[in-house]
Every structure is written in structure tokens, then in C-alpha cells.
Amino acid sequence: MTLARLQRIKRWHVAHKADHPLEYQLWDAVLTLWVMGWVGWVPAFAFDAPWAYPLCLLAIWSPRLYVGWRIRAHEAQRLRCDWLDAAG
């Protein structure tokens, strides 16, 4: 997922924060995990902690996994996802 796409989704959430506060907080949590995954690689390698590699990888993929889950839920009409157009 590109930084531009992440930014477009974040802008939508900021613009609609009052209408969709839970979605805003969920997206912040996803972005926090994403940053933790990228930052966590260095200590994982430095401290020789191979158990942390899959966790870092999962965290790095968290935005893609979350958006994919929301797309599938929206298409199955289980959740309405108003920001899909912003995701482009």
C-alpha cells in the first residue's frame, strides 16, 4: 500500500471524525501498528529475536489487511465503508 493511499484514507477519517469516531480510532490503531512494525525490525535484528519477525511483518501488513477486510465486508454488505472511494 502506498503512502499516498494511506494519506488519502487518513484525510477522509480526519474530515469525517465527528460522524465516524470509531473508524477514526481504528484507523489510528492500524497506522500505529504499521509504524511499530517498521520501527520494530531494527531491535528485532539487533537483539537477535527471530520470534519478533512475524509480528513485525504482520504489523507492516496491517493497513493492507484492514483495508482488504473492510472491502470484503462492504461487498458482502455486512459493513458500510464510506471511505473506500477515498482509498482509490
PDB file of N, CA and C in Angstrom:
ATOM      1  N   MET A   1       0.854  -1.165   0.000  1.00  0.00           N
ATOM      2  CA  MET A   1       0.000   0.000   0.000  1.00  0.00           C
ATOM      3  C   MET A   1       0.901   1.230   0.000  1.00  0.00           C
ATOM      4  N   THR A   2       0.582   2.180  -0.840  1.00  0.00           N
ATOM      5  CA  THR A   2       1.427   3.363  -0.971  1.00  0.00           C
ATOM      6  C   THR A   2       1.131   4.373   0.134  1.00  0.00           C
ATOM      7  N   LEU A   3       2.100   5.237   0.368  1.00  0.00           N
ATOM      8  CA  LEU A   3       1.908   6.297   1.352  1.00  0.00           C
ATOM      9  C   LEU A   3       0.801   7.250   0.928  1.00  0.00           C
ATOM     10  N   ALA A   4       0.671   7.490  -0.377  1.00  0.00           N
ATOM     11  CA  ALA A   4      -0.383   8.368  -0.873  1.00  0.00           C
ATOM     12  C   ALA A   4      -1.760   7.794  -0.546  1.00  0.00           C
ATOM     13  N   ARG A   5      -1.910   6.493  -0.688  1.00  0.00           N
ATOM     14  CA  ARG A   5      -3.200   5.853  -0.377  1.00  0.00           C
ATOM     15  C   ARG A   5      -3.482   5.916   1.122  1.00  0.00           C
ATOM     16  N   LEU A   6      -2.449   5.669   1.934  1.00  0.00           N
ATOM     17  CA  LEU A   6      -2.618   5.787   3.382  1.00  0.00           C
ATOM     18  C   LEU A   6      -3.035   7.203   3.760  1.00  0.00           C
ATOM     19  N   GLN A   7      -2.429   8.176   3.111  1.00  0.00           N
ATOM     20  CA  GLN A   7      -2.734   9.571   3.397  1.00  0.00           C
ATOM     21  C   GLN A   7      -4.162   9.934   2.982  1.00  0.00           C
ATOM     22  N   ARG A   8      -4.611   9.449   1.831  1.00  0.00           N
ATOM     23  CA  ARG A   8      -5.983   9.724   1.389  1.00  0.00           C
ATOM     24  C   ARG A   8      -7.003   9.160   2.376  1.00  0.00           C
ATOM     25  N   ILE A   9      -6.747   7.950   2.848  1.00  0.00           N
ATOM     26  CA  ILE A   9      -7.660   7.344   3.820  1.00  0.00           C
ATOM     27  C   ILE A   9      -7.635   8.137   5.120  1.00  0.00           C
ATOM     28  N   LYS A  10      -6.451   8.524   5.568  1.00  0.00           N
ATOM     29  CA  LYS A  10      -6.339   9.301   6.805  1.00  0.00           C
ATOM     30  C   LYS A  10      -7.052  10.645   6.677  1.00  0.00           C
ATOM     31  N   ARG A  11      -6.898  11.302   5.540  1.00  0.00           N
ATOM     32  CA  ARG A  11      -7.587  12.579   5.334  1.00  0.00           C
ATOM     33  C   ARG A  11      -9.104  12.406   5.410  1.00  0.00           C
ATOM     34  N   TRP A  12      -9.619  11.308   4.844  1.00  0.00           N
ATOM     35  CA  TRP A  12     -11.058  11.064   4.908  1.00  0.00           C
ATOM     36  C   TRP A  12     -11.481  10.904   6.363  1.00  0.00           C
ATOM     37  N   HIS A  13     -10.710  10.122   7.125  1.00  0.00           N
ATOM     38  CA  HIS A  13     -11.066   9.894   8.519  1.00  0.00           C
ATOM     39  C   HIS A  13     -11.012  11.183   9.333  1.00  0.00           C
ATOM     40  N   VAL A  14     -10.036  12.020   9.080  1.00  0.00           N
ATOM     41  CA  VAL A  14      -9.950  13.296   9.792  1.00  0.00           C
ATOM     42  C   VAL A  14     -11.134  14.188   9.425  1.00  0.00           C
ATOM     43  N   ALA A  15     -11.487  14.224   8.153  1.00  0.00           N
ATOM     44  CA  ALA A  15     -12.599  15.063   7.708  1.00  0.00           C
ATOM     45  C   ALA A  15     -13.948  14.586   8.253  1.00  0.00           C
ATOM     46  N   HIS A  16     -14.077  13.297   8.530  1.00  0.00           N
ATOM     47  CA  HIS A  16     -15.345  12.718   8.988  1.00  0.00           C
ATOM     48  C   HIS A  16     -15.258  12.199  10.424  1.00  0.00           C
ATOM     49  N   LYS A  17     -14.332  12.750  11.186  1.00  0.00           N
ATOM     50  CA  LYS A  17     -14.097  12.278  12.554  1.00  0.00           C
ATOM     51  C   LYS A  17     -15.357  12.372  13.419  1.00  0.00           C
ATOM     52  N   ALA A  18     -16.104  13.456  13.285  1.00  0.00           N
ATOM     53  CA  ALA A  18     -17.314  13.639  14.105  1.00  0.00           C
ATOM     54  C   ALA A  18     -18.397  12.621  13.750  1.00  0.00           C
ATOM     55  N   ASP A  19     -18.485  12.261  12.486  1.00  0.00           N
ATOM     56  CA  ASP A  19     -19.518  11.319  12.042  1.00  0.00           C
ATOM     57  C   ASP A  19     -19.141   9.860  12.290  1.00  0.00           C
ATOM     58  N   HIS A  20     -17.844   9.559  12.237  1.00  0.00           N
ATOM     59  CA  HIS A  20     -17.361   8.176  12.349  1.00  0.00           C
ATOM     60  C   HIS A  20     -16.193   8.097  13.335  1.00  0.00           C
ATOM     61  N   PRO A  21     -16.429   8.337  14.637  1.00  0.00           N
ATOM     62  CA  PRO A  21     -15.310   8.364  15.586  1.00  0.00           C
ATOM     63  C   PRO A  21     -14.632   7.004  15.775  1.00  0.00           C
ATOM     64  N   LEU A  22     -15.404   5.922  15.724  1.00  0.00           N
ATOM     65  CA  LEU A  22     -14.801   4.597  15.899  1.00  0.00           C
ATOM     66  C   LEU A  22     -13.894   4.253  14.728  1.00  0.00           C
ATOM     67  N   GLU A  23     -14.339   4.533  13.520  1.00  0.00           N
ATOM     68  CA  GLU A  23     -13.500   4.275  12.348  1.00  0.00           C
ATOM     69  C   GLU A  23     -12.219   5.097  12.409  1.00  0.00           C
ATOM     70  N   TYR A  24     -12.336   6.341  12.889  1.00  0.00           N
ATOM     71  CA  TYR A  24     -11.155   7.211  13.035  1.00  0.00           C
ATOM     72  C   TYR A  24     -10.155   6.572  13.998  1.00  0.00           C
ATOM     73  N   GLN A  25     -10.638   6.092  15.128  1.00  0.00           N
ATOM     74  CA  GLN A  25      -9.751   5.478  16.116  1.00  0.00           C
ATOM     75  C   GLN A  25      -9.174   4.151  15.620  1.00  0.00           C
ATOM     76  N   LEU A  26      -9.980   3.371  14.906  1.00  0.00           N
ATOM     77  CA  LEU A  26      -9.469   2.115  14.352  1.00  0.00           C
ATOM     78  C   LEU A  26      -8.350   2.366  13.348  1.00  0.00           C
ATOM     79  N   TRP A  27      -8.535   3.367  12.493  1.00  0.00           N
ATOM     80  CA  TRP A  27      -7.503   3.660  11.503  1.00  0.00           C
ATOM     81  C   TRP A  27      -6.231   4.154  12.185  1.00  0.00           C
ATOM     82  N   ASP A  28      -6.372   4.947  13.250  1.00  0.00           N
ATOM     83  CA  ASP A  28      -5.188   5.369  14.008  1.00  0.00           C
ATOM     84  C   ASP A  28      -4.472   4.165  14.615  1.00  0.00           C
ATOM     85  N   ALA A  29      -5.229   3.197  15.115  1.00  0.00           N
ATOM     86  CA  ALA A  29      -4.624   1.985  15.669  1.00  0.00           C
ATOM     87  C   ALA A  29      -3.890   1.198  14.590  1.00  0.00           C
ATOM     88  N   VAL A  30      -4.483   1.102  13.413  1.00  0.00           N
ATOM     89  CA  VAL A  30      -3.843   0.393  12.299  1.00  0.00           C
ATOM     90  C   VAL A  30      -2.547   1.093  11.908  1.00  0.00           C
ATOM     91  N   LEU A  31      -2.579   2.414  11.822  1.00  0.00           N
ATOM     92  CA  LEU A  31      -1.357   3.154  11.475  1.00  0.00           C
ATOM     93  C   LEU A  31      -0.300   3.049  12.573  1.00  0.00           C
ATOM     94  N   THR A  32      -0.726   2.993  13.824  1.00  0.00           N
ATOM     95  CA  THR A  32       0.215   2.813  14.924  1.00  0.00           C
ATOM     96  C   THR A  32       0.905   1.457  14.817  1.00  0.00           C
ATOM     97  N   LEU A  33       0.135   0.419  14.534  1.00  0.00           N
ATOM     98  CA  LEU A  33       0.732  -0.911  14.329  1.00  0.00           C
ATOM     99  C   LEU A  33       1.715  -0.901  13.173  1.00  0.00           C
ATOM    100  N   TRP A  34       1.343  -0.215  12.099  1.00  0.00           N
ATOM    101  CA  TRP A  34       2.195  -0.137  10.913  1.00  0.00           C
ATOM    102  C   TRP A  34       3.547   0.491  11.261  1.00  0.00           C
ATOM    103  N   VAL A  35       3.512   1.596  11.989  1.00  0.00           N
ATOM    104  CA  VAL A  35       4.759   2.270  12.396  1.00  0.00           C
ATOM    105  C   VAL A  35       5.558   1.375  13.344  1.00  0.00           C
ATOM    106  N   MET A  36       4.880   0.732  14.282  1.00  0.00           N
ATOM    107  CA  MET A  36       5.573  -0.161  15.212  1.00  0.00           C
ATOM    108  C   MET A  36       6.251  -1.310  14.476  1.00  0.00           C
ATOM    109  N   GLY A  37       5.619  -1.801  13.424  1.00  0.00           N
ATOM    110  CA  GLY A  37       6.231  -2.873  12.637  1.00  0.00           C
ATOM    111  C   GLY A  37       7.502  -2.423  11.958  1.00  0.00           C
ATOM    112  N   TRP A  38       7.478  -1.238  11.357  1.00  0.00           N
ATOM    113  CA  TRP A  38       8.674  -0.738  10.685  1.00  0.00           C
ATOM    114  C   TRP A  38       9.783  -0.421  11.674  1.00  0.00           C
ATOM    115  N   VAL A  39       9.430   0.166  12.801  1.00  0.00           N
ATOM    116  CA  VAL A  39      10.434   0.522  13.806  1.00  0.00           C
ATOM    117  C   VAL A  39      10.942  -0.733  14.524  1.00  0.00           C
ATOM    118  N   GLY A  40      10.109  -1.734  14.661  1.00  0.00           N
ATOM    119  CA  GLY A  40      10.479  -2.938  15.388  1.00  0.00           C
ATOM    120  C   GLY A  40      11.498  -3.826  14.701  1.00  0.00           C
ATOM    121  N   TRP A  41      11.696  -3.669  13.390  1.00  0.00           N
ATOM    122  CA  TRP A  41      12.676  -4.502  12.691  1.00  0.00           C
ATOM    123  C   TRP A  41      14.078  -4.319  13.249  1.00  0.00           C
ATOM    124  N   VAL A  42      14.454  -3.089  13.510  1.00  0.00           N
ATOM    125  CA  VAL A  42      15.829  -2.813  13.969  1.00  0.00           C
ATOM    126  C   VAL A  42      16.113  -3.498  15.300  1.00  0.00           C
ATOM    127  N   PRO A  43      15.302  -3.317  16.332  1.00  0.00           N
ATOM    128  CA  PRO A  43      15.581  -4.036  17.580  1.00  0.00           C
ATOM    129  C   PRO A  43      15.485  -5.554  17.434  1.00  0.00           C
ATOM    130  N   ALA A  44      14.575  -6.025  16.591  1.00  0.00           N
ATOM    131  CA  ALA A  44      14.446  -7.474  16.410  1.00  0.00           C
ATOM    132  C   ALA A  44      15.739  -8.064  15.859  1.00  0.00           C
ATOM    133  N   PHE A  45      16.323  -7.382  14.885  1.00  0.00           N
ATOM    134  CA  PHE A  45      17.605  -7.865  14.346  1.00  0.00           C
ATOM    135  C   PHE A  45      18.745  -7.633  15.322  1.00  0.00           C
ATOM    136  N   ALA A  46      18.766  -6.472  15.968  1.00  0.00           N
ATOM    137  CA  ALA A  46      19.862  -6.133  16.880  1.00  0.00           C
ATOM    138  C   ALA A  46      19.913  -7.078  18.076  1.00  0.00           C
ATOM    139  N   PHE A  47      18.762  -7.460  18.596  1.00  0.00           N
ATOM    140  CA  PHE A  47      18.724  -8.324  19.771  1.00  0.00           C
ATOM    141  C   PHE A  47      18.523  -9.788  19.421  1.00  0.00           C
ATOM    142  N   ASP A  48      18.639 -10.101  18.138  1.00  0.00           N
ATOM    143  CA  ASP A  48      18.514 -11.471  17.653  1.00  0.00           C
ATOM    144  C   ASP A  48      17.249 -12.133  18.210  1.00  0.00           C
ATOM    145  N   ALA A  49      16.119 -11.535  17.869  1.00  0.00           N
ATOM    146  CA  ALA A  49      14.824 -12.028  18.334  1.00  0.00           C
ATOM    147  C   ALA A  49      13.989 -12.478  17.131  1.00  0.00           C
ATOM    148  N   PRO A  50      14.279 -13.669  16.592  1.00  0.00           N
ATOM    149  CA  PRO A  50      13.543 -14.120  15.409  1.00  0.00           C
ATOM    150  C   PRO A  50      12.051 -14.311  15.658  1.00  0.00           C
ATOM    151  N   TRP A  51      11.627 -14.486  16.894  1.00  0.00           N
ATOM    152  CA  TRP A  51      10.205 -14.612  17.201  1.00  0.00           C
ATOM    153  C   TRP A  51       9.458 -13.317  16.884  1.00  0.00           C
ATOM    154  N   ALA A  52      10.168 -12.187  16.850  1.00  0.00           N
ATOM    155  CA  ALA A  52       9.530 -10.899  16.597  1.00  0.00           C
ATOM    156  C   ALA A  52       9.356 -10.615  15.107  1.00  0.00           C
ATOM    157  N   TYR A  53      10.068 -11.328  14.241  1.00  0.00           N
ATOM    158  CA  TYR A  53       9.984 -11.066  12.801  1.00  0.00           C
ATOM    159  C   TYR A  53       8.554 -11.208  12.267  1.00  0.00           C
ATOM    160  N   PRO A  54       7.842 -12.300  12.584  1.00  0.00           N
ATOM    161  CA  PRO A  54       6.469 -12.407  12.067  1.00  0.00           C
ATOM    162  C   PRO A  54       5.542 -11.323  12.624  1.00  0.00           C
ATOM    163  N   LEU A  55       5.774 -10.919  13.865  1.00  0.00           N
ATOM    164  CA  LEU A  55       4.953  -9.857  14.448  1.00  0.00           C
ATOM    165  C   LEU A  55       5.188  -8.538  13.723  1.00  0.00           C
ATOM    166  N   CYS A  56       6.453  -8.243  13.431  1.00  0.00           N
ATOM    167  CA  CYS A  56       6.766  -7.021  12.693  1.00  0.00           C
ATOM    168  C   CYS A  56       6.160  -7.070  11.291  1.00  0.00           C
ATOM    169  N   LEU A  57       6.267  -8.203  10.652  1.00  0.00           N
ATOM    170  CA  LEU A  57       5.707  -8.353   9.311  1.00  0.00           C
ATOM    171  C   LEU A  57       4.187  -8.199   9.320  1.00  0.00           C
ATOM    172  N   LEU A  58       3.532  -8.788  10.287  1.00  0.00           N
ATOM    173  CA  LEU A  58       2.088  -8.651  10.411  1.00  0.00           C
ATOM    174  C   LEU A  58       1.699  -7.190  10.652  1.00  0.00           C
ATOM    175  N   ALA A  59       2.466  -6.511  11.488  1.00  0.00           N
ATOM    176  CA  ALA A  59       2.190  -5.096  11.755  1.00  0.00           C
ATOM    177  C   ALA A  59       2.401  -4.244  10.501  1.00  0.00           C
ATOM    178  N   ILE A  60       3.420  -4.552   9.729  1.00  0.00           N
ATOM    179  CA  ILE A  60       3.676  -3.805   8.496  1.00  0.00           C
ATOM    180  C   ILE A  60       2.538  -4.021   7.500  1.00  0.00           C
ATOM    181  N   TRP A  61       1.976  -5.203   7.479  1.00  0.00           N
ATOM    182  CA  TRP A  61       0.879  -5.513   6.555  1.00  0.00           C
ATOM    183  C   TRP A  61      -0.483  -5.091   7.092  1.00  0.00           C
ATOM    184  N   SER A  62      -0.550  -4.580   8.316  1.00  0.00           N
ATOM    185  CA  SER A  62      -1.842  -4.290   8.937  1.00  0.00           C
ATOM    186  C   SER A  62      -2.721  -3.333   8.124  1.00  0.00           C
ATOM    187  N   PRO A  63      -2.208  -2.253   7.517  1.00  0.00           N
ATOM    188  CA  PRO A  63      -3.117  -1.419   6.716  1.00  0.00           C
ATOM    189  C   PRO A  63      -3.719  -2.166   5.532  1.00  0.00           C
ATOM    190  N   ARG A  64      -2.899  -2.945   4.845  1.00  0.00           N
ATOM    191  CA  ARG A  64      -3.388  -3.706   3.694  1.00  0.00           C
ATOM    192  C   ARG A  64      -4.418  -4.743   4.136  1.00  0.00           C
ATOM    193  N   LEU A  65      -4.150  -5.422   5.236  1.00  0.00           N
ATOM    194  CA  LEU A  65      -5.086  -6.427   5.736  1.00  0.00           C
ATOM    195  C   LEU A  65      -6.395  -5.795   6.180  1.00  0.00           C
ATOM    196  N   TYR A  66      -6.306  -4.666   6.861  1.00  0.00           N
ATOM    197  CA  TYR A  66      -7.513  -3.980   7.333  1.00  0.00           C
ATOM    198  C   TYR A  66      -8.358  -3.475   6.169  1.00  0.00           C
ATOM    199  N   VAL A  67      -7.727  -2.845   5.209  1.00  0.00           N
ATOM    200  CA  VAL A  67      -8.473  -2.336   4.045  1.00  0.00           C
ATOM    201  C   VAL A  67      -9.082  -3.501   3.272  1.00  0.00           C
ATOM    202  N   GLY A  68      -8.348  -4.570   3.102  1.00  0.00           N
ATOM    203  CA  GLY A  68      -8.884  -5.747   2.415  1.00  0.00           C
ATOM    204  C   GLY A  68     -10.073  -6.342   3.140  1.00  0.00           C
ATOM    205  N   TRP A  69      -9.987  -6.420   4.459  1.00  0.00           N
ATOM    206  CA  TRP A  69     -11.101  -6.926   5.250  1.00  0.00           C
ATOM    207  C   TRP A  69     -12.318  -6.025   5.107  1.00  0.00           C
ATOM    208  N   ARG A  70     -12.096  -4.697   5.138  1.00  0.00           N
ATOM    209  CA  ARG A  70     -13.220  -3.761   5.009  1.00  0.00           C
ATOM    210  C   ARG A  70     -13.849  -3.842   3.622  1.00  0.00           C
ATOM    211  N   ILE A  71     -13.035  -4.005   2.590  1.00  0.00           N
ATOM    212  CA  ILE A  71     -13.570  -4.132   1.226  1.00  0.00           C
ATOM    213  C   ILE A  71     -14.457  -5.371   1.124  1.00  0.00           C
ATOM    214  N   ARG A  72     -13.961  -6.498   1.636  1.00  0.00           N
ATOM    215  CA  ARG A  72     -14.750  -7.727   1.582  1.00  0.00           C
ATOM    216  C   ARG A  72     -16.047  -7.602   2.391  1.00  0.00           C
ATOM    217  N   ALA A  73     -15.988  -6.976   3.555  1.00  0.00           N
ATOM    218  CA  ALA A  73     -17.181  -6.793   4.377  1.00  0.00           C
ATOM    219  C   ALA A  73     -18.174  -5.852   3.697  1.00  0.00           C
ATOM    220  N   HIS A  74     -17.655  -4.837   3.027  1.00  0.00           N
ATOM    221  CA  HIS A  74     -18.525  -3.898   2.315  1.00  0.00           C
ATOM    222  C   HIS A  74     -19.207  -4.588   1.129  1.00  0.00           C
ATOM    223  N   GLU A  75     -18.451  -5.360   0.389  1.00  0.00           N
ATOM    224  CA  GLU A  75     -19.022  -6.060  -0.766  1.00  0.00           C
ATOM    225  C   GLU A  75     -20.051  -7.105  -0.349  1.00  0.00           C
ATOM    226  N   ALA A  76     -19.853  -7.716   0.824  1.00  0.00           N
ATOM    227  CA  ALA A  76     -20.812  -8.696   1.335  1.00  0.00           C
ATOM    228  C   ALA A  76     -21.976  -8.020   2.055  1.00  0.00           C
ATOM    229  N   GLN A  77     -21.960  -6.705   2.104  1.00  0.00           N
ATOM    230  CA  GLN A  77     -22.994  -5.883   2.738  1.00  0.00           C
ATOM    231  C   GLN A  77     -23.141  -6.172   4.227  1.00  0.00           C
ATOM    232  N   ARG A  78     -22.017  -6.500   4.874  1.00  0.00           N
ATOM    233  CA  ARG A  78     -22.009  -6.671   6.322  1.00  0.00           C
ATOM    234  C   ARG A  78     -21.666  -5.361   7.021  1.00  0.00           C
ATOM    235  N   LEU A  79     -20.833  -4.538   6.381  1.00  0.00           N
ATOM    236  CA  LEU A  79     -20.450  -3.223   6.888  1.00  0.00           C
ATOM    237  C   LEU A  79     -20.528  -2.219   5.751  1.00  0.00           C
ATOM    238  N   ARG A  80     -20.875  -1.005   6.100  1.00  0.00           N
ATOM    239  CA  ARG A  80     -20.828   0.051   5.097  1.00  0.00           C
ATOM    240  C   ARG A  80     -19.494   0.774   5.268  1.00  0.00           C
ATOM    241  N   CYS A  81     -18.793   0.943   4.180  1.00  0.00           N
ATOM    242  CA  CYS A  81     -17.476   1.571   4.231  1.00  0.00           C
ATOM    243  C   CYS A  81     -17.486   2.783   3.313  1.00  0.00           C
ATOM    244  N   ASP A  82     -17.710   3.950   3.892  1.00  0.00           N
ATOM    245  CA  ASP A  82     -17.830   5.179   3.113  1.00  0.00           C
ATOM    246  C   ASP A  82     -16.494   5.673   2.564  1.00  0.00           C
ATOM    247  N   TRP A  83     -15.396   5.236   3.153  1.00  0.00           N
ATOM    248  CA  TRP A  83     -14.088   5.760   2.735  1.00  0.00           C
ATOM    249  C   TRP A  83     -13.422   4.941   1.642  1.00  0.00           C
ATOM    250  N   LEU A  84     -14.096   3.951   1.108  1.00  0.00           N
ATOM    251  CA  LEU A  84     -13.480   3.155   0.042  1.00  0.00           C
ATOM    252  C   LEU A  84     -13.169   3.981  -1.189  1.00  0.00           C
ATOM    253  N   ASP A  85     -14.029   4.947  -1.511  1.00  0.00           N
ATOM    254  CA  ASP A  85     -13.753   5.812  -2.653  1.00  0.00           C
ATOM    255  C   ASP A  85     -12.493   6.648  -2.423  1.00  0.00           C
ATOM    256  N   ALA A  86     -12.278   7.064  -1.186  1.00  0.00           N
ATOM    257  CA  ALA A  86     -11.082   7.841  -0.859  1.00  0.00           C
ATOM    258  C   ALA A  86      -9.828   6.985  -0.951  1.00  0.00           C
ATOM    259  N   ALA A  87      -9.963   5.685  -0.711  1.00  0.00           N
ATOM    260  CA  ALA A  87      -8.799   4.796  -0.750  1.00  0.00           C
ATOM    261  C   ALA A  87      -8.250   4.662  -2.167  1.00  0.00           C
ATOM    262  N   GLY A  88      -9.112   4.834  -3.127  1.00  0.00           N
ATOM    263  CA  GLY A  88      -8.702   4.792  -4.533  1.00  0.00           C
ATOM    264  C   GLY A  88      -8.114   3.519  -4.915  1.00  0.00           C
TER     265      GLY A  88
END
